[in-house]
PDB file of N, CA and C in Angstrom:
ATOM      1  N   MET A   1      -4.121   6.739   0.568  1.00  0.00           N
ATOM      2  CA  MET A   1      -3.886   5.659  -0.393  1.00  0.00           C
ATOM      3  C   MET A   1      -2.473   5.098  -0.200  1.00  0.00           C
ATOM      4  N   THR A   2      -2.347   3.848  -0.485  1.00  0.00           N
ATOM      5  CA  THR A   2      -1.055   3.165  -0.411  1.00  0.00           C
ATOM      6  C   THR A   2      -0.068   3.807  -1.376  1.00  0.00           C
ATOM      7  N   LYS A   3       1.199   3.809  -1.009  1.00  0.00           N
ATOM      8  CA  LYS A   3       2.230   4.344  -1.899  1.00  0.00           C
ATOM      9  C   LYS A   3       2.345   3.455  -3.130  1.00  0.00           C
ATOM     10  N   ILE A   4       2.564   4.100  -4.272  1.00  0.00           N
ATOM     11  CA  ILE A   4       2.685   3.407  -5.553  1.00  0.00           C
ATOM     12  C   ILE A   4       4.090   3.611  -6.090  1.00  0.00           C
ATOM     13  N   VAL A   5       4.686   2.506  -6.513  1.00  0.00           N
ATOM     14  CA  VAL A   5       6.002   2.516  -7.159  1.00  0.00           C
ATOM     15  C   VAL A   5       5.817   1.806  -8.494  1.00  0.00           C
ATOM     16  N   TYR A   6       6.441   2.326  -9.551  1.00  0.00           N
ATOM     17  CA  TYR A   6       6.248   1.681 -10.852  1.00  0.00           C
ATOM     18  C   TYR A   6       7.477   1.782 -11.742  1.00  0.00           C
ATOM     19  N   ALA A   7       7.539   0.820 -12.663  1.00  0.00           N
ATOM     20  CA  ALA A   7       8.542   0.832 -13.730  1.00  0.00           C
ATOM     21  C   ALA A   7       7.777   0.790 -15.037  1.00  0.00           C
ATOM     22  N   SER A   8       8.173   1.623 -15.990  1.00  0.00           N
ATOM     23  CA  SER A   8       7.461   1.710 -17.260  1.00  0.00           C
ATOM     24  C   SER A   8       8.460   1.899 -18.386  1.00  0.00           C
ATOM     25  N   ARG A   9       8.559   0.894 -19.244  1.00  0.00           N
ATOM     26  CA  ARG A   9       9.502   0.973 -20.367  1.00  0.00           C
ATOM     27  C   ARG A   9       8.864   1.661 -21.570  1.00  0.00           C
ATOM     28  N   THR A  10       7.625   1.294 -21.897  1.00  0.00           N
ATOM     29  CA  THR A  10       6.971   1.832 -23.096  1.00  0.00           C
ATOM     30  C   THR A  10       5.973   2.936 -22.782  1.00  0.00           C
ATOM     31  N   GLY A  11       5.715   3.175 -21.511  1.00  0.00           N
ATOM     32  CA  GLY A  11       4.748   4.195 -21.109  1.00  0.00           C
ATOM     33  C   GLY A  11       3.400   3.641 -20.678  1.00  0.00           C
ATOM     34  N   HIS A  12       3.136   2.359 -20.948  1.00  0.00           N
ATOM     35  CA  HIS A  12       1.844   1.779 -20.569  1.00  0.00           C
ATOM     36  C   HIS A  12       1.628   1.785 -19.061  1.00  0.00           C
ATOM     37  N   VAL A  13       2.618   1.349 -18.308  1.00  0.00           N
ATOM     38  CA  VAL A  13       2.455   1.281 -16.852  1.00  0.00           C
ATOM     39  C   VAL A  13       2.264   2.683 -16.282  1.00  0.00           C
ATOM     40  N   GLU A  14       3.002   3.637 -16.803  1.00  0.00           N
ATOM     41  CA  GLU A  14       2.849   5.024 -16.336  1.00  0.00           C
ATOM     42  C   GLU A  14       1.440   5.537 -16.621  1.00  0.00           C
ATOM     43  N   LYS A  15       0.886   5.194 -17.773  1.00  0.00           N
ATOM     44  CA  LYS A  15      -0.483   5.605 -18.104  1.00  0.00           C
ATOM     45  C   LYS A  15      -1.496   4.965 -17.164  1.00  0.00           C
ATOM     46  N   ILE A  16      -1.261   3.716 -16.775  1.00  0.00           N
ATOM     47  CA  ILE A  16      -2.150   3.046 -15.817  1.00  0.00           C
ATOM     48  C   ILE A  16      -2.140   3.802 -14.487  1.00  0.00           C
ATOM     49  N   VAL A  17      -0.945   4.126 -14.006  1.00  0.00           N
ATOM     50  CA  VAL A  17      -0.818   4.873 -12.748  1.00  0.00           C
ATOM     51  C   VAL A  17      -1.548   6.210 -12.864  1.00  0.00           C
ATOM     52  N   ASN A  18      -1.393   6.878 -13.996  1.00  0.00           N
ATOM     53  CA  ASN A  18      -2.069   8.158 -14.205  1.00  0.00           C
ATOM     54  C   ASN A  18      -3.585   7.999 -14.246  1.00  0.00           C
ATOM     55  N   GLN A  19      -4.082   6.901 -14.855  1.00  0.00           N
ATOM     56  CA  GLN A  19      -5.526   6.650 -14.891  1.00  0.00           C
ATOM     57  C   GLN A  19      -6.106   6.516 -13.490  1.00  0.00           C
ATOM     58  N   LEU A  20      -5.297   6.045 -12.566  1.00  0.00           N
ATOM     59  CA  LEU A  20      -5.735   5.876 -11.181  1.00  0.00           C
ATOM     60  C   LEU A  20      -5.760   7.206 -10.424  1.00  0.00           C
ATOM     61  N   GLY A  21      -5.248   8.253 -11.041  1.00  0.00           N
ATOM     62  CA  GLY A  21      -5.229   9.565 -10.404  1.00  0.00           C
ATOM     63  C   GLY A  21      -4.124   9.735  -9.372  1.00  0.00           C
ATOM     64  N   VAL A  22      -3.128   8.855  -9.424  1.00  0.00           N
ATOM     65  CA  VAL A  22      -2.015   8.924  -8.474  1.00  0.00           C
ATOM     66  C   VAL A  22      -1.044  10.008  -8.936  1.00  0.00           C
ATOM     67  N   THR A  23      -0.763  10.944  -8.048  1.00  0.00           N
ATOM     68  CA  THR A  23       0.111  12.057  -8.426  1.00  0.00           C
ATOM     69  C   THR A  23       1.483  11.991  -7.749  1.00  0.00           C
ATOM     70  N   ASN A  24       1.613  11.156  -6.743  1.00  0.00           N
ATOM     71  CA  ASN A  24       2.879  11.115  -5.997  1.00  0.00           C
ATOM     72  C   ASN A  24       3.570   9.759  -6.112  1.00  0.00           C
ATOM     73  N   ALA A  25       3.363   9.066  -7.215  1.00  0.00           N
ATOM     74  CA  ALA A  25       3.995   7.755  -7.407  1.00  0.00           C
ATOM     75  C   ALA A  25       5.497   7.916  -7.648  1.00  0.00           C
ATOM     76  N   LEU A  26       6.232   6.906  -7.252  1.00  0.00           N
ATOM     77  CA  LEU A  26       7.677   6.878  -7.460  1.00  0.00           C
ATOM     78  C   LEU A  26       7.974   6.035  -8.700  1.00  0.00           C
ATOM     79  N   LYS A  27       8.619   6.642  -9.682  1.00  0.00           N
ATOM     80  CA  LYS A  27       9.003   5.922 -10.887  1.00  0.00           C
ATOM     81  C   LYS A  27      10.405   5.339 -10.713  1.00  0.00           C
ATOM     82  N   ILE A  28      10.515   4.047 -10.969  1.00  0.00           N
ATOM     83  CA  ILE A  28      11.824   3.389 -10.899  1.00  0.00           C
ATOM     84  C   ILE A  28      12.544   3.628 -12.222  1.00  0.00           C
ATOM     85  N   GLU A  29      13.680   4.299 -12.147  1.00  0.00           N
ATOM     86  CA  GLU A  29      14.446   4.569 -13.359  1.00  0.00           C
ATOM     87  C   GLU A  29      15.825   3.920 -13.326  1.00  0.00           C
ATOM     88  N   THR A  30      16.359   3.712 -12.124  1.00  0.00           N
ATOM     89  CA  THR A  30      17.698   3.115 -12.007  1.00  0.00           C
ATOM     90  C   THR A  30      17.706   1.849 -11.160  1.00  0.00           C
ATOM     91  N   GLY A  31      16.710   1.680 -10.314  1.00  0.00           N
ATOM     92  CA  GLY A  31      16.697   0.578  -9.367  1.00  0.00           C
ATOM     93  C   GLY A  31      17.314   0.955  -8.036  1.00  0.00           C
ATOM     94  N   GLU A  32      17.927   2.127  -7.975  1.00  0.00           N
ATOM     95  CA  GLU A  32      18.584   2.594  -6.749  1.00  0.00           C
ATOM     96  C   GLU A  32      17.677   3.484  -5.906  1.00  0.00           C
ATOM     97  N   GLU A  33      16.473   3.765  -6.380  1.00  0.00           N
ATOM     98  CA  GLU A  33      15.543   4.609  -5.640  1.00  0.00           C
ATOM     99  C   GLU A  33      15.186   3.939  -4.309  1.00  0.00           C
ATOM    100  N   THR A  34      14.758   4.755  -3.345  1.00  0.00           N
ATOM    101  CA  THR A  34      14.341   4.208  -2.055  1.00  0.00           C
ATOM    102  C   THR A  34      12.981   4.781  -1.678  1.00  0.00           C
ATOM    103  N   ILE A  35      12.265   4.002  -0.874  1.00  0.00           N
ATOM    104  CA  ILE A  35      10.964   4.433  -0.366  1.00  0.00           C
ATOM    105  C   ILE A  35      10.818   3.901   1.042  1.00  0.00           C
ATOM    106  N   ASP A  36      10.215   4.694   1.911  1.00  0.00           N
ATOM    107  CA  ASP A  36       9.965   4.261   3.281  1.00  0.00           C
ATOM    108  C   ASP A  36       8.566   3.668   3.374  1.00  0.00           C
ATOM    109  N   GLY A  37       8.430   2.619   4.135  1.00  0.00           N
ATOM    110  CA  GLY A  37       7.115   2.053   4.401  1.00  0.00           C
ATOM    111  C   GLY A  37       6.626   1.101   3.331  1.00  0.00           C
ATOM    112  N   ASP A  38       5.333   0.808   3.425  1.00  0.00           N
ATOM    113  CA  ASP A  38       4.699  -0.151   2.527  1.00  0.00           C
ATOM    114  C   ASP A  38       4.349   0.489   1.188  1.00  0.00           C
ATOM    115  N   TYR A  39       4.322  -0.348   0.155  1.00  0.00           N
ATOM    116  CA  TYR A  39       3.987   0.140  -1.182  1.00  0.00           C
ATOM    117  C   TYR A  39       3.491  -1.005  -2.053  1.00  0.00           C
ATOM    118  N   VAL A  40       2.833  -0.619  -3.151  1.00  0.00           N
ATOM    119  CA  VAL A  40       2.422  -1.549  -4.203  1.00  0.00           C
ATOM    120  C   VAL A  40       3.294  -1.256  -5.410  1.00  0.00           C
ATOM    121  N   ILE A  41       3.820  -2.292  -6.039  1.00  0.00           N
ATOM    122  CA  ILE A  41       4.681  -2.109  -7.203  1.00  0.00           C
ATOM    123  C   ILE A  41       3.934  -2.488  -8.476  1.00  0.00           C
ATOM    124  N   PHE A  42       4.049  -1.640  -9.481  1.00  0.00           N
ATOM    125  CA  PHE A  42       3.477  -1.863 -10.809  1.00  0.00           C
ATOM    126  C   PHE A  42       4.635  -2.150 -11.750  1.00  0.00           C
ATOM    127  N   THR A  43       4.525  -3.212 -12.548  1.00  0.00           N
ATOM    128  CA  THR A  43       5.634  -3.573 -13.425  1.00  0.00           C
ATOM    129  C   THR A  43       5.164  -4.145 -14.756  1.00  0.00           C
ATOM    130  N   TYR A  44       6.081  -4.198 -15.665  1.00  0.00           N
ATOM    131  CA  TYR A  44       5.917  -4.894 -16.944  1.00  0.00           C
ATOM    132  C   TYR A  44       6.785  -6.141 -16.876  1.00  0.00           C
ATOM    133  N   SER A  45       6.741  -6.961 -17.901  1.00  0.00           N
ATOM    134  CA  SER A  45       7.634  -8.120 -18.019  1.00  0.00           C
ATOM    135  C   SER A  45       8.612  -7.832 -19.146  1.00  0.00           C
ATOM    136  N   THR A  46       9.765  -8.467 -19.092  1.00  0.00           N
ATOM    137  CA  THR A  46      10.763  -8.274 -20.131  1.00  0.00           C
ATOM    138  C   THR A  46      11.296  -9.632 -20.582  1.00  0.00           C
ATOM    139  N   GLY A  47      11.880  -9.656 -21.768  1.00  0.00           N
ATOM    140  CA  GLY A  47      12.436 -10.911 -22.269  1.00  0.00           C
ATOM    141  C   GLY A  47      11.385 -11.995 -22.326  1.00  0.00           C
ATOM    142  N   GLN A  48      11.709 -13.153 -21.869  1.00  0.00           N
ATOM    143  CA  GLN A  48      10.790 -14.295 -21.847  1.00  0.00           C
ATOM    144  C   GLN A  48      10.048 -14.364 -20.515  1.00  0.00           C
ATOM    145  N   GLY A  49       9.325 -13.298 -20.167  1.00  0.00           N
ATOM    146  CA  GLY A  49       8.538 -13.293 -18.940  1.00  0.00           C
ATOM    147  C   GLY A  49       9.328 -13.007 -17.683  1.00  0.00           C
ATOM    148  N   LYS A  50      10.401 -12.254 -17.808  1.00  0.00           N
ATOM    149  CA  LYS A  50      11.242 -11.936 -16.646  1.00  0.00           C
ATOM    150  C   LYS A  50      10.804 -10.617 -16.002  1.00  0.00           C
ATOM    151  N   THR A  51      11.111 -10.508 -14.723  1.00  0.00           N
ATOM    152  CA  THR A  51      10.938  -9.242 -14.029  1.00  0.00           C
ATOM    153  C   THR A  51      12.109  -8.345 -14.431  1.00  0.00           C
ATOM    154  N   PRO A  52      11.855  -7.081 -14.784  1.00  0.00           N
ATOM    155  CA  PRO A  52      12.959  -6.198 -15.175  1.00  0.00           C
ATOM    156  C   PRO A  52      14.030  -6.103 -14.086  1.00  0.00           C
ATOM    157  N   LYS A  53      15.294  -6.060 -14.500  1.00  0.00           N
ATOM    158  CA  LYS A  53      16.415  -6.006 -13.547  1.00  0.00           C
ATOM    159  C   LYS A  53      16.313  -4.808 -12.623  1.00  0.00           C
ATOM    160  N   LEU A  54      15.905  -3.660 -13.147  1.00  0.00           N
ATOM    161  CA  LEU A  54      15.839  -2.481 -12.288  1.00  0.00           C
ATOM    162  C   LEU A  54      14.765  -2.641 -11.228  1.00  0.00           C
ATOM    163  N   VAL A  55      13.698  -3.399 -11.524  1.00  0.00           N
ATOM    164  CA  VAL A  55      12.664  -3.679 -10.523  1.00  0.00           C
ATOM    165  C   VAL A  55      13.212  -4.636  -9.469  1.00  0.00           C
ATOM    166  N   GLU A  56      13.935  -5.664  -9.908  1.00  0.00           N
ATOM    167  CA  GLU A  56      14.553  -6.588  -8.950  1.00  0.00           C
ATOM    168  C   GLU A  56      15.522  -5.856  -8.031  1.00  0.00           C
ATOM    169  N   GLN A  57      16.313  -4.940  -8.592  1.00  0.00           N
ATOM    170  CA  GLN A  57      17.264  -4.155  -7.783  1.00  0.00           C
ATOM    171  C   GLN A  57      16.506  -3.314  -6.754  1.00  0.00           C
ATOM    172  N   PHE A  58      15.425  -2.674  -7.192  1.00  0.00           N
ATOM    173  CA  PHE A  58      14.624  -1.849  -6.293  1.00  0.00           C
ATOM    174  C   PHE A  58      14.070  -2.685  -5.142  1.00  0.00           C
ATOM    175  N   LEU A  59      13.470  -3.825  -5.484  1.00  0.00           N
ATOM    176  CA  LEU A  59      12.861  -4.695  -4.476  1.00  0.00           C
ATOM    177  C   LEU A  59      13.894  -5.204  -3.464  1.00  0.00           C
ATOM    178  N   ALA A  60      15.115  -5.433  -3.913  1.00  0.00           N
ATOM    179  CA  ALA A  60      16.157  -5.977  -3.048  1.00  0.00           C
ATOM    180  C   ALA A  60      16.481  -5.060  -1.869  1.00  0.00           C
ATOM    181  N   HIS A  61      16.310  -3.761  -2.034  1.00  0.00           N
ATOM    182  CA  HIS A  61      16.642  -2.865  -0.921  1.00  0.00           C
ATOM    183  C   HIS A  61      15.465  -2.006  -0.444  1.00  0.00           C
ATOM    184  N   ASN A  62      14.257  -2.402  -0.812  1.00  0.00           N
ATOM    185  CA  ASN A  62      13.043  -1.728  -0.339  1.00  0.00           C
ATOM    186  C   ASN A  62      12.045  -2.804   0.093  1.00  0.00           C
ATOM    187  N   PRO A  63      12.099  -3.215   1.364  1.00  0.00           N
ATOM    188  CA  PRO A  63      11.365  -4.397   1.823  1.00  0.00           C
ATOM    189  C   PRO A  63       9.857  -4.241   2.011  1.00  0.00           C
ATOM    190  N   GLY A  64       9.280  -3.092   1.773  1.00  0.00           N
ATOM    191  CA  GLY A  64       7.870  -2.876   2.107  1.00  0.00           C
ATOM    192  C   GLY A  64       6.833  -3.276   1.073  1.00  0.00           C
ATOM    193  N   VAL A  65       7.195  -4.054   0.052  1.00  0.00           N
ATOM    194  CA  VAL A  65       6.218  -4.401  -0.988  1.00  0.00           C
ATOM    195  C   VAL A  65       5.069  -5.212  -0.384  1.00  0.00           C
ATOM    196  N   LYS A  66       3.828  -4.789  -0.681  1.00  0.00           N
ATOM    197  CA  LYS A  66       2.638  -5.443  -0.136  1.00  0.00           C
ATOM    198  C   LYS A  66       1.781  -6.094  -1.210  1.00  0.00           C
ATOM    199  N   ALA A  67       1.959  -5.680  -2.463  1.00  0.00           N
ATOM    200  CA  ALA A  67       1.183  -6.253  -3.566  1.00  0.00           C
ATOM    201  C   ALA A  67       1.835  -5.825  -4.876  1.00  0.00           C
ATOM    202  N   VAL A  68       1.400  -6.465  -5.969  1.00  0.00           N
ATOM    203  CA  VAL A  68       1.968  -6.172  -7.283  1.00  0.00           C
ATOM    204  C   VAL A  68       0.846  -6.069  -8.316  1.00  0.00           C
ATOM    205  N   VAL A  69       1.084  -5.208  -9.312  1.00  0.00           N
ATOM    206  CA  VAL A  69       0.190  -5.058 -10.460  1.00  0.00           C
ATOM    207  C   VAL A  69       1.049  -5.238 -11.702  1.00  0.00           C
ATOM    208  N   GLY A  70       0.591  -6.068 -12.626  1.00  0.00           N
ATOM    209  CA  GLY A  70       1.333  -6.303 -13.858  1.00  0.00           C
ATOM    210  C   GLY A  70       0.608  -5.756 -15.068  1.00  0.00           C
ATOM    211  N   SER A  71       1.377  -5.362 -16.066  1.00  0.00           N
ATOM    212  CA  SER A  71       0.836  -4.936 -17.348  1.00  0.00           C
ATOM    213  C   SER A  71       1.644  -5.615 -18.440  1.00  0.00           C
ATOM    214  N   GLY A  72       0.944  -6.102 -19.446  1.00  0.00           N
ATOM    215  CA  GLY A  72       1.627  -6.776 -20.542  1.00  0.00           C
ATOM    216  C   GLY A  72       0.744  -6.839 -21.767  1.00  0.00           C
ATOM    217  N   SER A  73       1.180  -7.602 -22.751  1.00  0.00           N
ATOM    218  CA  SER A  73       0.426  -7.766 -23.987  1.00  0.00           C
ATOM    219  C   SER A  73       0.072  -9.234 -24.168  1.00  0.00           C
ATOM    220  N   MET A  74      -1.198  -9.543 -24.024  1.00  0.00           N
ATOM    221  CA  MET A  74      -1.659 -10.909 -24.224  1.00  0.00           C
ATOM    222  C   MET A  74      -1.450 -11.324 -25.682  1.00  0.00           C
ATOM    223  N   ALA A  75      -1.640 -10.396 -26.597  1.00  0.00           N
ATOM    224  CA  ALA A  75      -1.494 -10.717 -28.019  1.00  0.00           C
ATOM    225  C   ALA A  75      -0.053 -11.080 -28.382  1.00  0.00           C
ATOM    226  N   LYS A  76       0.905 -10.364 -27.819  1.00  0.00           N
ATOM    227  CA  LYS A  76       2.312 -10.599 -28.155  1.00  0.00           C
ATOM    228  C   LYS A  76       2.980 -11.651 -27.279  1.00  0.00           C
ATOM    229  N   HIS A  77       2.508 -11.800 -26.045  1.00  0.00           N
ATOM    230  CA  HIS A  77       3.214 -12.649 -25.083  1.00  0.00           C
ATOM    231  C   HIS A  77       2.258 -13.526 -24.286  1.00  0.00           C
ATOM    232  N   ALA A  78       1.366 -14.221 -24.959  1.00  0.00           N
ATOM    233  CA  ALA A  78       0.361 -15.038 -24.265  1.00  0.00           C
ATOM    234  C   ALA A  78       0.989 -16.070 -23.340  1.00  0.00           C
ATOM    235  N   GLU A  79       2.089 -16.696 -23.769  1.00  0.00           N
ATOM    236  CA  GLU A  79       2.719 -17.764 -22.969  1.00  0.00           C
ATOM    237  C   GLU A  79       3.363 -17.237 -21.696  1.00  0.00           C
ATOM    238  N   THR A  80       3.784 -15.986 -21.706  1.00  0.00           N
ATOM    239  CA  THR A  80       4.479 -15.414 -20.546  1.00  0.00           C
ATOM    240  C   THR A  80       3.760 -14.167 -20.033  1.00  0.00           C
ATOM    241  N   PHE A  81       2.455 -14.082 -20.274  1.00  0.00           N
ATOM    242  CA  PHE A  81       1.673 -12.899 -19.925  1.00  0.00           C
ATOM    243  C   PHE A  81       1.775 -12.578 -18.440  1.00  0.00           C
ATOM    244  N   ASN A  82       2.321 -11.419 -18.135  1.00  0.00           N
ATOM    245  CA  ASN A  82       2.452 -10.896 -16.775  1.00  0.00           C
ATOM    246  C   ASN A  82       3.296 -11.763 -15.846  1.00  0.00           C
ATOM    247  N   PHE A  83       4.237 -12.512 -16.401  1.00  0.00           N
ATOM    248  CA  PHE A  83       5.129 -13.308 -15.568  1.00  0.00           C
ATOM    249  C   PHE A  83       5.993 -12.432 -14.669  1.00  0.00           C
ATOM    250  N   GLY A  84       6.305 -11.208 -15.105  1.00  0.00           N
ATOM    251  CA  GLY A  84       7.085 -10.300 -14.256  1.00  0.00           C
ATOM    252  C   GLY A  84       6.393 -10.084 -12.915  1.00  0.00           C
ATOM    253  N   ALA A  85       5.077  -9.863 -12.953  1.00  0.00           N
ATOM    254  CA  ALA A  85       4.295  -9.686 -11.728  1.00  0.00           C
ATOM    255  C   ALA A  85       4.205 -10.993 -10.950  1.00  0.00           C
ATOM    256  N   GLU A  86       4.014 -12.099 -11.662  1.00  0.00           N
ATOM    257  CA  GLU A  86       3.924 -13.397 -10.996  1.00  0.00           C
ATOM    258  C   GLU A  86       5.221 -13.735 -10.256  1.00  0.00           C
ATOM    259  N   ASN A  87       6.362 -13.422 -10.863  1.00  0.00           N
ATOM    260  CA  ASN A  87       7.653 -13.671 -10.220  1.00  0.00           C
ATOM    261  C   ASN A  87       7.768 -12.915  -8.894  1.00  0.00           C
ATOM    262  N   ILE A  88       7.334 -11.671  -8.897  1.00  0.00           N
ATOM    263  CA  ILE A  88       7.385 -10.855  -7.678  1.00  0.00           C
ATOM    264  C   ILE A  88       6.444 -11.435  -6.626  1.00  0.00           C
ATOM    265  N   ALA A  89       5.234 -11.794  -7.031  1.00  0.00           N
ATOM    266  CA  ALA A  89       4.257 -12.350  -6.089  1.00  0.00           C
ATOM    267  C   ALA A  89       4.796 -13.601  -5.407  1.00  0.00           C
ATOM    268  N   LYS A  90       5.427 -14.471  -6.188  1.00  0.00           N
ATOM    269  CA  LYS A  90       5.990 -15.707  -5.616  1.00  0.00           C
ATOM    270  C   LYS A  90       7.175 -15.423  -4.708  1.00  0.00           C
ATOM    271  N   ALA A  91       8.099 -14.591  -5.155  1.00  0.00           N
ATOM    272  CA  ALA A  91       9.325 -14.322  -4.399  1.00  0.00           C
ATOM    273  C   ALA A  91       9.052 -13.594  -3.088  1.00  0.00           C
ATOM    274  N   TYR A  92       8.074 -12.684  -3.087  1.00  0.00           N
ATOM    275  CA  TYR A  92       7.822 -11.861  -1.906  1.00  0.00           C
ATOM    276  C   TYR A  92       6.541 -12.246  -1.173  1.00  0.00           C
ATOM    277  N   LYS A  93       5.875 -13.286  -1.674  1.00  0.00           N
ATOM    278  CA  LYS A  93       4.638 -13.785  -1.051  1.00  0.00           C
ATOM    279  C   LYS A  93       3.613 -12.673  -0.858  1.00  0.00           C
ATOM    280  N   VAL A  94       3.352 -11.960  -1.963  1.00  0.00           N
ATOM    281  CA  VAL A  94       2.363 -10.882  -1.965  1.00  0.00           C
ATOM    282  C   VAL A  94       1.321 -11.165  -3.046  1.00  0.00           C
ATOM    283  N   PRO A  95       0.127 -10.594  -2.906  1.00  0.00           N
ATOM    284  CA  PRO A  95      -0.911 -10.823  -3.909  1.00  0.00           C
ATOM    285  C   PRO A  95      -0.700 -10.004  -5.178  1.00  0.00           C
ATOM    286  N   ILE A  96      -1.238 -10.525  -6.265  1.00  0.00           N
ATOM    287  CA  ILE A  96      -1.307  -9.767  -7.512  1.00  0.00           C
ATOM    288  C   ILE A  96      -2.676  -9.098  -7.532  1.00  0.00           C
ATOM    289  N   LEU A  97      -2.702  -7.776  -7.553  1.00  0.00           N
ATOM    290  CA  LEU A  97      -3.967  -7.053  -7.547  1.00  0.00           C
ATOM    291  C   LEU A  97      -4.617  -7.031  -8.925  1.00  0.00           C
ATOM    292  N   ALA A  98      -3.789  -7.051  -9.978  1.00  0.00           N
ATOM    293  CA  ALA A  98      -4.329  -7.045 -11.339  1.00  0.00           C
ATOM    294  C   ALA A  98      -3.257  -7.478 -12.318  1.00  0.00           C
ATOM    295  N   LYS A  99      -3.709  -8.175 -13.372  1.00  0.00           N
ATOM    296  CA  LYS A  99      -2.871  -8.503 -14.525  1.00  0.00           C
ATOM    297  C   LYS A  99      -3.555  -7.850 -15.716  1.00  0.00           C
ATOM    298  N   LEU A 100      -3.037  -6.710 -16.120  1.00  0.00           N
ATOM    299  CA  LEU A 100      -3.681  -5.914 -17.152  1.00  0.00           C
ATOM    300  C   LEU A 100      -3.092  -6.190 -18.523  1.00  0.00           C
ATOM    301  N   ASP A 101      -3.968  -6.249 -19.503  1.00  0.00           N
ATOM    302  CA  ASP A 101      -3.559  -6.371 -20.897  1.00  0.00           C
ATOM    303  C   ASP A 101      -3.481  -4.954 -21.445  1.00  0.00           C
ATOM    304  N   GLY A 102      -2.266  -4.499 -21.712  1.00  0.00           N
ATOM    305  CA  GLY A 102      -2.087  -3.112 -22.152  1.00  0.00           C
ATOM    306  C   GLY A 102      -2.444  -2.159 -21.031  1.00  0.00           C
ATOM    307  N   LEU A 103      -3.366  -1.238 -21.313  1.00  0.00           N
ATOM    308  CA  LEU A 103      -3.772  -0.241 -20.326  1.00  0.00           C
ATOM    309  C   LEU A 103      -4.913  -0.719 -19.442  1.00  0.00           C
ATOM    310  N   GLY A 104      -5.442  -1.906 -19.730  1.00  0.00           N
ATOM    311  CA  GLY A 104      -6.581  -2.405 -18.970  1.00  0.00           C
ATOM    312  C   GLY A 104      -7.872  -1.763 -19.433  1.00  0.00           C
ATOM    313  N   THR A 105      -8.982  -2.347 -19.031  1.00  0.00           N
ATOM    314  CA  THR A 105     -10.297  -1.800 -19.368  1.00  0.00           C
ATOM    315  C   THR A 105     -10.711  -0.797 -18.292  1.00  0.00           C
ATOM    316  N   PRO A 106     -11.672   0.066 -18.594  1.00  0.00           N
ATOM    317  CA  PRO A 106     -12.156   0.984 -17.548  1.00  0.00           C
ATOM    318  C   PRO A 106     -12.626   0.237 -16.293  1.00  0.00           C
ATOM    319  N   GLN A 107     -13.275  -0.915 -16.474  1.00  0.00           N
ATOM    320  CA  GLN A 107     -13.734  -1.692 -15.316  1.00  0.00           C
ATOM    321  C   GLN A 107     -12.553  -2.223 -14.513  1.00  0.00           C
ATOM    322  N   GLU A 108     -11.511  -2.704 -15.198  1.00  0.00           N
ATOM    323  CA  GLU A 108     -10.328  -3.198 -14.495  1.00  0.00           C
ATOM    324  C   GLU A 108      -9.650  -2.090 -13.694  1.00  0.00           C
ATOM    325  N   ILE A 109      -9.590  -0.899 -14.269  1.00  0.00           N
ATOM    326  CA  ILE A 109      -8.969   0.241 -13.574  1.00  0.00           C
ATOM    327  C   ILE A 109      -9.807   0.621 -12.355  1.00  0.00           C
ATOM    328  N   GLU A 110     -11.114   0.608 -12.499  1.00  0.00           N
ATOM    329  CA  GLU A 110     -12.007   0.911 -11.380  1.00  0.00           C
ATOM    330  C   GLU A 110     -11.839  -0.132 -10.258  1.00  0.00           C
ATOM    331  N   ASP A 111     -11.798  -1.406 -10.637  1.00  0.00           N
ATOM    332  CA  ASP A 111     -11.610  -2.475  -9.654  1.00  0.00           C
ATOM    333  C   ASP A 111     -10.255  -2.350  -8.956  1.00  0.00           C
ATOM    334  N   LEU A 112      -9.224  -2.011  -9.730  1.00  0.00           N
ATOM    335  CA  LEU A 112      -7.896  -1.839  -9.159  1.00  0.00           C
ATOM    336  C   LEU A 112      -7.878  -0.678  -8.159  1.00  0.00           C
ATOM    337  N   ALA A 113      -8.527   0.416  -8.511  1.00  0.00           N
ATOM    338  CA  ALA A 113      -8.590   1.570  -7.601  1.00  0.00           C
ATOM    339  C   ALA A 113      -9.245   1.166  -6.288  1.00  0.00           C
ATOM    340  N   LYS A 114     -10.289   0.357  -6.352  1.00  0.00           N
ATOM    341  CA  LYS A 114     -10.959  -0.110  -5.125  1.00  0.00           C
ATOM    342  C   LYS A 114     -10.026  -1.014  -4.321  1.00  0.00           C
ATOM    343  N   SER A 115      -9.308  -1.897  -4.995  1.00  0.00           N
ATOM    344  CA  SER A 115      -8.372  -2.779  -4.295  1.00  0.00           C
ATOM    345  C   SER A 115      -7.287  -1.986  -3.590  1.00  0.00           C
ATOM    346  N   LEU A 116      -6.782  -0.957  -4.260  1.00  0.00           N
ATOM    347  CA  LEU A 116      -5.748  -0.117  -3.655  1.00  0.00           C
ATOM    348  C   LEU A 116      -6.301   0.638  -2.438  1.00  0.00           C
ATOM    349  N   ALA A 117      -7.519   1.094  -2.544  1.00  0.00           N
ATOM    350  CA  ALA A 117      -8.130   1.841  -1.442  1.00  0.00           C
ATOM    351  C   ALA A 117      -8.343   0.945  -0.218  1.00  0.00           C
ATOM    352  N   ASN A 118      -8.497  -0.345  -0.436  1.00  0.00           N
ATOM    353  CA  ASN A 118      -8.750  -1.280   0.657  1.00  0.00           C
ATOM    354  C   ASN A 118      -7.486  -1.859   1.288  1.00  0.00           C
ATOM    355  N   LEU A 119      -6.322  -1.492   0.787  1.00  0.00           N
ATOM    356  CA  LEU A 119      -5.076  -2.015   1.372  1.00  0.00           C
ATOM    357  C   LEU A 119      -4.730  -1.298   2.665  1.00  0.00           C
TER     358      LEU A 119
END
């Protein structure tokens, strides 16, 4: 399986990674972490639909990003829903594998697992 890197402020993104059965994911805590090779990044959005600074710092010195997965709250942030993931997709020209509302549905998690397996 592709390497997974994630940032989780409230625990939702971490729960998504756990639902996928990933046991060796790298959690971004400072932005200074490093990873070799290709990876998929999972993120939340902050502020008015911004990518978290620690995720931007991580991406700046880890060039292997191949795709992004976003998690957010449609109810609280409909206007900027998953903009953090969209920003990464545009800046790094990578696909968005999923835009999850909260933890996502069981079907969304299953579809995401298949997408990850096919990378």
